[in-house]
Amino acid sequence: MPRDWTAEDGYFDDLVNEGLYQLGEAIYQGRRRHGWTQRMLAARSGVDQPTIARLERGKLPGISLRRLARILGSMDILDLQPP
């Protein structure tokens, strides 16, 4: 977890904070794997670039599930294979 993390940045639940950090890292790595900038991901997903930047830093605890799904759906970030 980032050392500059404070309670104001997230939840008091360490597990939730760690999950937000890991999710942000996964989005960052997936975006980089595609060779996209944050602006490119914003245009593709319809979610504004500052939101993506905060999410990648794990500092956006209040993101809606719909917005998160738009980001993940536009990136195929989970790279799921059929069973």
N, C-alpha and C. Protein backbone atom coordinates (compact mmCIF):
# COMPACT_ATOMS: atom_id res chain seq x y z
N MET A 1 0.86 -1.18 0.00
CA MET A 1 0.00 0.00 0.00
C MET A 1 0.90 1.23 0.00
N PRO A 2 0.54 2.27 -0.74
CA PRO A 2 1.38 3.47 -0.79
C PRO A 2 1.60 4.04 0.61
N ARG A 3 2.79 4.53 0.85
CA ARG A 3 3.14 5.06 2.16
C ARG A 3 2.48 6.41 2.44
N ASP A 4 2.05 7.12 1.40
CA ASP A 4 1.42 8.43 1.60
C ASP A 4 -0.08 8.32 1.82
N TRP A 5 -0.58 7.11 2.03
CA TRP A 5 -2.01 6.88 2.21
C TRP A 5 -2.47 7.45 3.54
N THR A 6 -3.60 8.13 3.53
CA THR A 6 -4.19 8.65 4.76
C THR A 6 -5.65 8.25 4.82
N ALA A 7 -6.24 8.36 5.99
CA ALA A 7 -7.65 8.00 6.15
C ALA A 7 -8.55 8.83 5.25
N GLU A 8 -8.15 10.05 4.95
CA GLU A 8 -8.96 10.92 4.08
C GLU A 8 -9.01 10.40 2.65
N ASP A 9 -8.03 9.60 2.27
CA ASP A 9 -7.96 9.08 0.91
C ASP A 9 -8.87 7.88 0.69
N GLY A 10 -9.28 7.22 1.74
CA GLY A 10 -10.04 6.01 1.56
C GLY A 10 -10.88 5.66 2.77
N TYR A 11 -11.05 4.40 2.96
CA TYR A 11 -11.86 3.87 4.05
C TYR A 11 -10.99 3.55 5.25
N PHE A 12 -11.61 3.38 6.39
CA PHE A 12 -10.87 2.96 7.57
C PHE A 12 -10.60 1.46 7.55
N ASP A 13 -11.17 0.77 6.59
CA ASP A 13 -10.99 -0.67 6.43
C ASP A 13 -9.75 -0.92 5.58
N ASP A 14 -8.71 -1.46 6.18
CA ASP A 14 -7.46 -1.68 5.46
C ASP A 14 -7.63 -2.62 4.27
N LEU A 15 -8.52 -3.58 4.39
CA LEU A 15 -8.74 -4.52 3.30
C LEU A 15 -9.36 -3.81 2.09
N VAL A 16 -10.30 -2.92 2.33
CA VAL A 16 -10.90 -2.14 1.25
C VAL A 16 -9.84 -1.25 0.61
N ASN A 17 -9.04 -0.58 1.43
CA ASN A 17 -7.98 0.28 0.89
C ASN A 17 -6.99 -0.51 0.05
N GLU A 18 -6.61 -1.68 0.52
CA GLU A 18 -5.69 -2.52 -0.25
C GLU A 18 -6.32 -2.95 -1.56
N GLY A 19 -7.60 -3.28 -1.53
CA GLY A 19 -8.31 -3.65 -2.75
C GLY A 19 -8.36 -2.52 -3.75
N LEU A 20 -8.60 -1.30 -3.28
CA LEU A 20 -8.62 -0.12 -4.16
C LEU A 20 -7.24 0.10 -4.79
N TYR A 21 -6.21 -0.08 -3.98
CA TYR A 21 -4.84 0.08 -4.48
C TYR A 21 -4.56 -0.97 -5.56
N GLN A 22 -4.91 -2.22 -5.31
CA GLN A 22 -4.65 -3.28 -6.27
C GLN A 22 -5.46 -3.09 -7.55
N LEU A 23 -6.70 -2.64 -7.41
CA LEU A 23 -7.53 -2.37 -8.58
C LEU A 23 -6.90 -1.26 -9.42
N GLY A 24 -6.48 -0.20 -8.76
CA GLY A 24 -5.82 0.89 -9.48
C GLY A 24 -4.58 0.44 -10.20
N GLU A 25 -3.79 -0.39 -9.55
CA GLU A 25 -2.57 -0.91 -10.17
C GLU A 25 -2.90 -1.78 -11.37
N ALA A 26 -3.95 -2.59 -11.28
CA ALA A 26 -4.36 -3.44 -12.40
C ALA A 26 -4.82 -2.59 -13.58
N ILE A 27 -5.55 -1.53 -13.31
CA ILE A 27 -5.99 -0.64 -14.39
C ILE A 27 -4.79 0.04 -15.03
N TYR A 28 -3.88 0.52 -14.20
CA TYR A 28 -2.66 1.16 -14.72
C TYR A 28 -1.87 0.19 -15.61
N GLN A 29 -1.63 -1.02 -15.12
CA GLN A 29 -0.86 -2.00 -15.88
C GLN A 29 -1.58 -2.40 -17.17
N GLY A 30 -2.90 -2.58 -17.10
CA GLY A 30 -3.66 -2.91 -18.29
C GLY A 30 -3.62 -1.81 -19.33
N ARG A 31 -3.74 -0.58 -18.86
CA ARG A 31 -3.67 0.57 -19.78
C ARG A 31 -2.31 0.63 -20.45
N ARG A 32 -1.27 0.45 -19.68
CA ARG A 32 0.09 0.49 -20.23
C ARG A 32 0.33 -0.67 -21.21
N ARG A 33 -0.24 -1.84 -20.88
CA ARG A 33 -0.10 -2.99 -21.77
C ARG A 33 -0.69 -2.70 -23.14
N HIS A 34 -1.79 -1.93 -23.16
CA HIS A 34 -2.42 -1.54 -24.42
C HIS A 34 -1.68 -0.39 -25.11
N GLY A 35 -0.77 0.25 -24.38
CA GLY A 35 -0.07 1.40 -24.94
C GLY A 35 -0.89 2.67 -24.95
N TRP A 36 -1.88 2.75 -24.07
CA TRP A 36 -2.79 3.89 -24.02
C TRP A 36 -2.37 4.90 -22.96
N THR A 37 -2.67 6.16 -23.23
CA THR A 37 -2.56 7.20 -22.22
C THR A 37 -3.86 7.21 -21.41
N GLN A 38 -3.83 7.95 -20.32
CA GLN A 38 -5.08 8.09 -19.56
C GLN A 38 -6.15 8.77 -20.40
N ARG A 39 -5.76 9.71 -21.22
CA ARG A 39 -6.73 10.39 -22.09
C ARG A 39 -7.35 9.44 -23.11
N MET A 40 -6.53 8.53 -23.62
CA MET A 40 -7.05 7.55 -24.58
C MET A 40 -8.07 6.64 -23.89
N LEU A 41 -7.76 6.19 -22.69
CA LEU A 41 -8.69 5.36 -21.94
C LEU A 41 -9.96 6.14 -21.61
N ALA A 42 -9.80 7.40 -21.27
CA ALA A 42 -10.96 8.25 -20.98
C ALA A 42 -11.88 8.34 -22.19
N ALA A 43 -11.31 8.57 -23.35
CA ALA A 43 -12.11 8.69 -24.57
C ALA A 43 -12.79 7.36 -24.89
N ARG A 44 -12.10 6.28 -24.68
CA ARG A 44 -12.64 4.96 -25.00
C ARG A 44 -13.74 4.54 -24.02
N SER A 45 -13.58 4.88 -22.74
CA SER A 45 -14.51 4.42 -21.71
C SER A 45 -15.63 5.42 -21.41
N GLY A 46 -15.41 6.69 -21.75
CA GLY A 46 -16.39 7.72 -21.41
C GLY A 46 -16.27 8.20 -19.97
N VAL A 47 -15.20 7.81 -19.29
CA VAL A 47 -14.93 8.25 -17.92
C VAL A 47 -13.82 9.28 -17.99
N ASP A 48 -13.99 10.42 -17.33
CA ASP A 48 -13.03 11.51 -17.49
C ASP A 48 -11.63 11.14 -16.97
N GLN A 49 -10.62 11.76 -17.55
CA GLN A 49 -9.22 11.46 -17.26
C GLN A 49 -8.84 11.68 -15.79
N PRO A 50 -9.29 12.77 -15.13
CA PRO A 50 -8.94 12.92 -13.72
C PRO A 50 -9.46 11.77 -12.85
N THR A 51 -10.63 11.24 -13.19
CA THR A 51 -11.16 10.10 -12.45
C THR A 51 -10.26 8.88 -12.64
N ILE A 52 -9.83 8.65 -13.85
CA ILE A 52 -8.94 7.52 -14.13
C ILE A 52 -7.63 7.70 -13.38
N ALA A 53 -7.09 8.91 -13.36
CA ALA A 53 -5.84 9.16 -12.65
C ALA A 53 -5.98 8.86 -11.16
N ARG A 54 -7.05 9.31 -10.54
CA ARG A 54 -7.27 9.05 -9.12
C ARG A 54 -7.48 7.57 -8.86
N LEU A 55 -8.23 6.92 -9.73
CA LEU A 55 -8.48 5.49 -9.57
C LEU A 55 -7.17 4.70 -9.67
N GLU A 56 -6.31 5.06 -10.61
CA GLU A 56 -5.04 4.37 -10.76
C GLU A 56 -4.16 4.53 -9.52
N ARG A 57 -4.32 5.62 -8.81
CA ARG A 57 -3.56 5.83 -7.57
C ARG A 57 -4.24 5.18 -6.37
N GLY A 58 -5.40 4.55 -6.60
CA GLY A 58 -6.12 3.91 -5.51
C GLY A 58 -6.78 4.89 -4.58
N LYS A 59 -7.06 6.09 -5.08
CA LYS A 59 -7.59 7.16 -4.23
C LYS A 59 -8.96 7.62 -4.69
N LEU A 60 -9.77 6.68 -5.10
CA LEU A 60 -11.12 7.02 -5.53
C LEU A 60 -12.10 6.00 -4.96
N PRO A 61 -12.31 6.06 -3.65
CA PRO A 61 -13.16 5.06 -3.02
C PRO A 61 -14.63 5.16 -3.39
N GLY A 62 -15.08 6.30 -3.90
CA GLY A 62 -16.50 6.48 -4.18
C GLY A 62 -16.89 6.26 -5.63
N ILE A 63 -16.06 5.63 -6.44
CA ILE A 63 -16.41 5.43 -7.85
C ILE A 63 -17.62 4.51 -7.96
N SER A 64 -18.50 4.85 -8.88
CA SER A 64 -19.69 4.02 -9.05
C SER A 64 -19.32 2.74 -9.79
N LEU A 65 -20.08 1.73 -9.54
CA LEU A 65 -19.86 0.45 -10.20
C LEU A 65 -20.00 0.61 -11.72
N ARG A 66 -20.93 1.44 -12.13
CA ARG A 66 -21.14 1.65 -13.58
C ARG A 66 -19.89 2.25 -14.23
N ARG A 67 -19.31 3.27 -13.60
CA ARG A 67 -18.11 3.89 -14.17
C ARG A 67 -16.94 2.92 -14.17
N LEU A 68 -16.80 2.17 -13.09
CA LEU A 68 -15.73 1.18 -13.03
C LEU A 68 -15.91 0.12 -14.10
N ALA A 69 -17.15 -0.34 -14.28
CA ALA A 69 -17.43 -1.34 -15.31
C ALA A 69 -17.13 -0.81 -16.70
N ARG A 70 -17.39 0.47 -16.95
CA ARG A 70 -17.08 1.06 -18.26
C ARG A 70 -15.57 1.04 -18.52
N ILE A 71 -14.79 1.36 -17.50
CA ILE A 71 -13.33 1.33 -17.65
C ILE A 71 -12.85 -0.09 -17.91
N LEU A 72 -13.28 -1.01 -17.06
CA LEU A 72 -12.83 -2.39 -17.20
C LEU A 72 -13.30 -2.99 -18.53
N GLY A 73 -14.54 -2.70 -18.90
CA GLY A 73 -15.08 -3.24 -20.15
C GLY A 73 -14.36 -2.71 -21.38
N SER A 74 -13.90 -1.48 -21.32
CA SER A 74 -13.22 -0.91 -22.48
C SER A 74 -11.80 -1.44 -22.64
N MET A 75 -11.27 -2.04 -21.57
CA MET A 75 -9.87 -2.49 -21.61
C MET A 75 -9.72 -4.00 -21.71
N ASP A 76 -10.78 -4.76 -21.45
CA ASP A 76 -10.66 -6.21 -21.35
C ASP A 76 -9.54 -6.54 -20.36
N ILE A 77 -9.53 -5.79 -19.24
CA ILE A 77 -8.43 -5.85 -18.29
C ILE A 77 -8.33 -7.18 -17.56
N LEU A 78 -9.45 -7.85 -17.36
CA LEU A 78 -9.40 -9.09 -16.61
C LEU A 78 -8.91 -10.26 -17.45
N ASP A 79 -8.90 -10.10 -18.78
CA ASP A 79 -8.35 -11.10 -19.68
C ASP A 79 -8.86 -12.50 -19.33
N LEU A 80 -10.18 -12.61 -19.15
CA LEU A 80 -10.77 -13.89 -18.76
C LEU A 80 -10.86 -14.83 -19.94
N GLN A 81 -10.52 -16.06 -19.69
CA GLN A 81 -10.62 -17.10 -20.70
C GLN A 81 -11.86 -17.94 -20.42
N PRO A 82 -12.57 -18.40 -21.46
CA PRO A 82 -13.74 -19.25 -21.22
C PRO A 82 -13.31 -20.55 -20.52
N PRO A 83 -14.20 -21.09 -19.67
CA PRO A 83 -13.85 -22.33 -18.96
C PRO A 83 -13.72 -23.51 -19.89
